Amino acid sequence: MISEMKRRITLQEQVRTPDGGGGFTVTWQNIATVPEVYAAIVPLSGAEQLRHHQLEASVTHRITLRYRSDVTTAMRIVHDTTVYHITAVIDQDGLGTSLEILATVKTP
């Protein structure tokens, strides 16, 4: 499996900054500890649906990388120009060897 981890991805977390009017602005920044890692990315399924009179497509992917304890569903993954929204984080063998991340890519 390690030999299949050929894509360099960046892990990002959401940062909320007060906007001075009682709300906040959401931005994304690279996580502090080693944000760029190698991973394997495999598409699993795709779907299209009509939402608010617009066609919306989504594709589900499985992303595998070496185990990290700091990855959560509140984060996202960026590879080149594609943004993957994390929906699940699974310790594949329960031994802390590798992570399987399920993520979606949505296109307007």
N, C-alpha and C. Protein backbone atom coordinates (compact mmCIF):
# COMPACT_ATOMS: atom_id res chain seq x y z
N MET A 1 0.81 -1.20 0.00
CA MET A 1 0.00 0.00 0.00
C MET A 1 0.85 1.26 0.00
N ILE A 2 1.96 1.25 0.70
CA ILE A 2 2.81 2.44 0.76
C ILE A 2 3.30 2.82 -0.64
N SER A 3 3.57 1.84 -1.48
CA SER A 3 4.04 2.14 -2.83
C SER A 3 2.98 2.85 -3.67
N GLU A 4 1.70 2.74 -3.29
CA GLU A 4 0.62 3.41 -4.00
C GLU A 4 0.42 4.85 -3.55
N MET A 5 1.06 5.25 -2.48
CA MET A 5 0.90 6.61 -1.95
C MET A 5 1.84 7.56 -2.69
N LYS A 6 1.39 7.99 -3.88
CA LYS A 6 2.25 8.78 -4.76
C LYS A 6 1.79 10.23 -4.90
N ARG A 7 0.64 10.57 -4.35
CA ARG A 7 0.12 11.93 -4.51
C ARG A 7 0.40 12.75 -3.26
N ARG A 8 0.92 13.92 -3.47
CA ARG A 8 1.24 14.81 -2.34
C ARG A 8 0.00 15.65 -2.03
N ILE A 9 -0.53 15.49 -0.82
CA ILE A 9 -1.73 16.20 -0.41
C ILE A 9 -1.40 17.17 0.73
N THR A 10 -2.29 18.13 0.94
CA THR A 10 -2.15 19.08 2.04
C THR A 10 -3.37 18.97 2.93
N LEU A 11 -3.15 18.84 4.23
CA LEU A 11 -4.24 18.81 5.22
C LEU A 11 -4.48 20.22 5.72
N GLN A 12 -5.74 20.64 5.74
CA GLN A 12 -6.08 21.99 6.18
C GLN A 12 -7.17 21.95 7.24
N GLU A 13 -7.13 22.97 8.13
CA GLU A 13 -8.15 23.10 9.15
C GLU A 13 -8.82 24.46 9.03
N GLN A 14 -10.05 24.52 9.50
CA GLN A 14 -10.84 25.74 9.42
C GLN A 14 -10.45 26.70 10.54
N VAL A 15 -10.35 27.98 10.20
CA VAL A 15 -10.04 29.01 11.18
C VAL A 15 -11.14 30.07 11.10
N ARG A 16 -11.73 30.38 12.25
CA ARG A 16 -12.78 31.40 12.30
C ARG A 16 -12.21 32.67 12.92
N THR A 17 -12.37 33.79 12.22
CA THR A 17 -11.86 35.07 12.69
C THR A 17 -13.04 36.02 12.88
N PRO A 18 -13.17 36.64 14.06
CA PRO A 18 -14.27 37.59 14.28
C PRO A 18 -14.22 38.71 13.24
N ASP A 19 -15.41 39.08 12.73
CA ASP A 19 -15.45 40.14 11.71
C ASP A 19 -15.80 41.51 12.27
N GLY A 20 -15.94 41.61 13.60
CA GLY A 20 -16.23 42.90 14.22
C GLY A 20 -17.70 43.25 14.26
N GLY A 21 -18.53 42.49 13.59
CA GLY A 21 -19.97 42.77 13.56
C GLY A 21 -20.78 41.68 14.24
N GLY A 22 -20.14 40.87 15.05
CA GLY A 22 -20.83 39.79 15.75
C GLY A 22 -20.74 38.46 15.04
N GLY A 23 -20.24 38.46 13.84
CA GLY A 23 -20.08 37.22 13.08
C GLY A 23 -18.61 36.84 12.97
N PHE A 24 -18.31 36.03 12.00
CA PHE A 24 -16.93 35.61 11.78
C PHE A 24 -16.70 35.30 10.32
N THR A 25 -15.44 35.30 9.95
CA THR A 25 -15.01 34.92 8.61
C THR A 25 -14.31 33.57 8.71
N VAL A 26 -14.65 32.67 7.80
CA VAL A 26 -14.05 31.33 7.79
C VAL A 26 -12.96 31.29 6.73
N THR A 27 -11.76 30.88 7.13
CA THR A 27 -10.67 30.65 6.19
C THR A 27 -10.08 29.28 6.47
N TRP A 28 -9.27 28.78 5.57
CA TRP A 28 -8.61 27.49 5.74
C TRP A 28 -7.11 27.70 5.77
N GLN A 29 -6.43 27.01 6.68
CA GLN A 29 -4.97 27.10 6.74
C GLN A 29 -4.40 25.70 6.90
N ASN A 30 -3.16 25.55 6.44
CA ASN A 30 -2.47 24.26 6.59
C ASN A 30 -2.31 23.95 8.07
N ILE A 31 -2.46 22.68 8.44
CA ILE A 31 -2.27 22.35 9.85
C ILE A 31 -0.81 22.55 10.21
N ALA A 32 -0.55 22.79 11.47
CA ALA A 32 0.77 23.19 11.93
C ALA A 32 1.83 22.10 11.81
N THR A 33 1.47 20.85 12.06
CA THR A 33 2.47 19.79 12.06
C THR A 33 2.41 18.99 10.76
N VAL A 34 3.40 19.11 9.94
CA VAL A 34 3.56 18.40 8.68
C VAL A 34 2.25 18.34 7.88
N PRO A 35 1.85 19.45 7.26
CA PRO A 35 0.59 19.47 6.53
C PRO A 35 0.63 18.72 5.20
N GLU A 36 1.83 18.55 4.62
CA GLU A 36 1.93 17.88 3.32
C GLU A 36 2.45 16.46 3.50
N VAL A 37 1.67 15.50 2.98
CA VAL A 37 2.03 14.08 3.10
C VAL A 37 1.69 13.38 1.79
N TYR A 38 2.21 12.17 1.63
CA TYR A 38 1.89 11.36 0.47
C TYR A 38 0.68 10.50 0.77
N ALA A 39 -0.17 10.31 -0.26
CA ALA A 39 -1.39 9.54 -0.08
C ALA A 39 -1.77 8.85 -1.39
N ALA A 40 -2.64 7.86 -1.26
CA ALA A 40 -3.27 7.21 -2.41
C ALA A 40 -4.70 7.71 -2.47
N ILE A 41 -5.15 8.12 -3.65
CA ILE A 41 -6.51 8.63 -3.82
C ILE A 41 -7.23 7.77 -4.86
N VAL A 42 -8.36 7.19 -4.44
CA VAL A 42 -9.13 6.30 -5.31
C VAL A 42 -10.58 6.77 -5.35
N PRO A 43 -11.12 7.08 -6.54
CA PRO A 43 -12.54 7.44 -6.62
C PRO A 43 -13.41 6.21 -6.37
N LEU A 44 -14.52 6.39 -5.63
CA LEU A 44 -15.39 5.26 -5.31
C LEU A 44 -16.73 5.34 -6.04
N SER A 45 -17.37 6.50 -6.01
CA SER A 45 -18.68 6.63 -6.65
C SER A 45 -18.96 8.09 -6.98
N GLY A 46 -19.96 8.29 -7.81
CA GLY A 46 -20.36 9.64 -8.17
C GLY A 46 -21.86 9.74 -8.26
N ALA A 47 -22.38 10.95 -8.10
CA ALA A 47 -23.82 11.17 -8.18
C ALA A 47 -24.10 12.60 -8.63
N GLU A 48 -25.27 12.77 -9.24
CA GLU A 48 -25.73 14.10 -9.62
C GLU A 48 -27.13 14.29 -9.07
N GLN A 49 -27.42 15.51 -8.64
CA GLN A 49 -28.77 15.81 -8.17
C GLN A 49 -29.11 17.25 -8.48
N LEU A 50 -30.39 17.52 -8.58
CA LEU A 50 -30.86 18.87 -8.83
C LEU A 50 -31.18 19.52 -7.50
N ARG A 51 -30.45 20.60 -7.16
CA ARG A 51 -30.66 21.32 -5.91
C ARG A 51 -30.83 22.79 -6.23
N HIS A 52 -31.91 23.35 -5.76
CA HIS A 52 -32.19 24.77 -5.96
C HIS A 52 -32.09 25.15 -7.44
N HIS A 53 -32.65 24.30 -8.28
CA HIS A 53 -32.69 24.50 -9.73
C HIS A 53 -31.31 24.52 -10.37
N GLN A 54 -30.33 23.89 -9.71
CA GLN A 54 -28.99 23.76 -10.28
C GLN A 54 -28.54 22.31 -10.14
N LEU A 55 -27.84 21.83 -11.14
CA LEU A 55 -27.32 20.48 -11.10
C LEU A 55 -26.05 20.46 -10.24
N GLU A 56 -26.02 19.60 -9.23
CA GLU A 56 -24.87 19.49 -8.34
C GLU A 56 -24.32 18.07 -8.43
N ALA A 57 -23.04 17.96 -8.64
CA ALA A 57 -22.40 16.65 -8.73
C ALA A 57 -21.48 16.44 -7.52
N SER A 58 -21.40 15.21 -7.07
CA SER A 58 -20.46 14.90 -6.00
C SER A 58 -19.81 13.55 -6.29
N VAL A 59 -18.56 13.44 -5.91
CA VAL A 59 -17.79 12.22 -6.11
C VAL A 59 -17.18 11.83 -4.78
N THR A 60 -17.31 10.55 -4.42
CA THR A 60 -16.75 10.04 -3.17
C THR A 60 -15.40 9.40 -3.46
N HIS A 61 -14.44 9.66 -2.58
CA HIS A 61 -13.09 9.11 -2.74
C HIS A 61 -12.64 8.41 -1.45
N ARG A 62 -11.74 7.46 -1.62
CA ARG A 62 -11.03 6.87 -0.48
C ARG A 62 -9.59 7.35 -0.58
N ILE A 63 -9.12 7.99 0.49
CA ILE A 63 -7.76 8.52 0.54
C ILE A 63 -7.03 7.78 1.65
N THR A 64 -5.91 7.16 1.31
CA THR A 64 -5.14 6.39 2.28
C THR A 64 -3.80 7.06 2.51
N LEU A 65 -3.43 7.22 3.78
CA LEU A 65 -2.13 7.79 4.13
C LEU A 65 -1.61 7.14 5.40
N ARG A 66 -0.35 7.39 5.70
CA ARG A 66 0.21 6.87 6.95
C ARG A 66 -0.56 7.43 8.12
N TYR A 67 -0.63 6.67 9.20
CA TYR A 67 -1.44 7.05 10.36
C TYR A 67 -1.01 8.39 10.94
N ARG A 68 -2.01 9.20 11.27
CA ARG A 68 -1.83 10.46 11.99
C ARG A 68 -2.97 10.56 12.98
N SER A 69 -2.68 11.04 14.17
CA SER A 69 -3.72 11.16 15.18
C SER A 69 -4.45 12.50 15.11
N ASP A 70 -3.98 13.42 14.27
CA ASP A 70 -4.55 14.76 14.24
C ASP A 70 -5.56 15.02 13.13
N VAL A 71 -5.95 14.00 12.37
CA VAL A 71 -6.88 14.18 11.26
C VAL A 71 -8.32 13.98 11.76
N THR A 72 -9.20 14.95 11.45
CA THR A 72 -10.60 14.88 11.87
C THR A 72 -11.52 15.22 10.70
N THR A 73 -12.81 15.00 10.90
CA THR A 73 -13.79 15.32 9.86
C THR A 73 -14.02 16.83 9.73
N ALA A 74 -13.47 17.62 10.62
CA ALA A 74 -13.58 19.08 10.51
C ALA A 74 -12.54 19.64 9.54
N MET A 75 -11.65 18.80 9.04
CA MET A 75 -10.58 19.23 8.14
C MET A 75 -10.96 18.97 6.69
N ARG A 76 -10.09 19.42 5.80
CA ARG A 76 -10.22 19.11 4.38
C ARG A 76 -8.85 18.77 3.83
N ILE A 77 -8.85 18.17 2.65
CA ILE A 77 -7.61 17.78 1.97
C ILE A 77 -7.57 18.50 0.63
N VAL A 78 -6.41 19.02 0.27
CA VAL A 78 -6.23 19.67 -1.02
C VAL A 78 -5.14 18.93 -1.79
N HIS A 79 -5.49 18.57 -3.04
CA HIS A 79 -4.51 17.96 -3.94
C HIS A 79 -4.59 18.71 -5.26
N ASP A 80 -3.50 19.34 -5.65
CA ASP A 80 -3.49 20.24 -6.81
C ASP A 80 -4.58 21.29 -6.61
N THR A 81 -5.61 21.31 -7.46
CA THR A 81 -6.68 22.29 -7.30
C THR A 81 -7.97 21.66 -6.78
N THR A 82 -7.94 20.38 -6.43
CA THR A 82 -9.13 19.67 -5.96
C THR A 82 -9.21 19.72 -4.44
N VAL A 83 -10.40 20.04 -3.92
CA VAL A 83 -10.64 20.10 -2.48
C VAL A 83 -11.52 18.92 -2.09
N TYR A 84 -11.05 18.12 -1.15
CA TYR A 84 -11.77 16.95 -0.64
C TYR A 84 -12.28 17.27 0.76
N HIS A 85 -13.59 17.15 0.96
CA HIS A 85 -14.20 17.38 2.27
C HIS A 85 -14.29 16.04 3.00
N ILE A 86 -13.64 15.93 4.14
CA ILE A 86 -13.54 14.67 4.87
C ILE A 86 -14.87 14.33 5.53
N THR A 87 -15.36 13.11 5.28
CA THR A 87 -16.61 12.65 5.89
C THR A 87 -16.38 11.55 6.93
N ALA A 88 -15.26 10.84 6.85
CA ALA A 88 -14.95 9.79 7.84
C ALA A 88 -13.45 9.56 7.88
N VAL A 89 -12.95 9.24 9.09
CA VAL A 89 -11.53 8.93 9.29
C VAL A 89 -11.48 7.57 10.00
N ILE A 90 -10.81 6.59 9.38
CA ILE A 90 -10.81 5.22 9.90
C ILE A 90 -9.38 4.73 10.07
N ASP A 91 -9.05 4.24 11.27
CA ASP A 91 -7.77 3.57 11.51
C ASP A 91 -7.94 2.17 10.93
N GLN A 92 -7.32 1.90 9.77
CA GLN A 92 -7.59 0.69 9.00
C GLN A 92 -7.41 -0.61 9.77
N ASP A 93 -6.33 -0.74 10.50
CA ASP A 93 -6.07 -2.01 11.19
C ASP A 93 -6.18 -1.90 12.70
N GLY A 94 -6.49 -0.72 13.19
CA GLY A 94 -6.61 -0.52 14.63
C GLY A 94 -5.27 -0.47 15.35
N LEU A 95 -4.18 -0.49 14.59
CA LEU A 95 -2.83 -0.50 15.16
C LEU A 95 -2.08 0.80 14.91
N GLY A 96 -2.73 1.76 14.28
CA GLY A 96 -2.06 3.02 14.01
C GLY A 96 -1.04 2.94 12.89
N THR A 97 -1.32 2.12 11.88
CA THR A 97 -0.40 1.98 10.75
C THR A 97 -0.77 2.92 9.61
N SER A 98 -2.06 2.91 9.24
CA SER A 98 -2.51 3.77 8.15
C SER A 98 -3.93 4.25 8.41
N LEU A 99 -4.28 5.36 7.75
CA LEU A 99 -5.62 5.94 7.85
C LEU A 99 -6.33 5.77 6.52
N GLU A 100 -7.59 5.45 6.60
CA GLU A 100 -8.46 5.47 5.42
C GLU A 100 -9.41 6.63 5.65
N ILE A 101 -9.41 7.55 4.71
CA ILE A 101 -10.27 8.74 4.81
C ILE A 101 -11.28 8.68 3.69
N LEU A 102 -12.54 8.83 4.04
CA LEU A 102 -13.59 8.95 3.03
C LEU A 102 -13.89 10.42 2.87
N ALA A 103 -13.93 10.87 1.63
CA ALA A 103 -14.09 12.30 1.36
C ALA A 103 -14.92 12.51 0.10
N THR A 104 -15.54 13.68 0.01
CA THR A 104 -16.33 14.02 -1.18
C THR A 104 -15.76 15.27 -1.84
N VAL A 105 -15.96 15.32 -3.14
CA VAL A 105 -15.63 16.50 -3.94
C VAL A 105 -16.94 16.95 -4.55
N LYS A 106 -17.31 18.19 -4.32
CA LYS A 106 -18.55 18.72 -4.88
C LYS A 106 -18.25 19.75 -5.93
N THR A 107 -18.99 19.67 -7.02
CA THR A 107 -18.82 20.65 -8.09
C THR A 107 -20.15 21.37 -8.29
N PRO A 108 -20.11 22.67 -8.47
CA PRO A 108 -21.35 23.43 -8.66
C PRO A 108 -21.98 23.15 -10.00
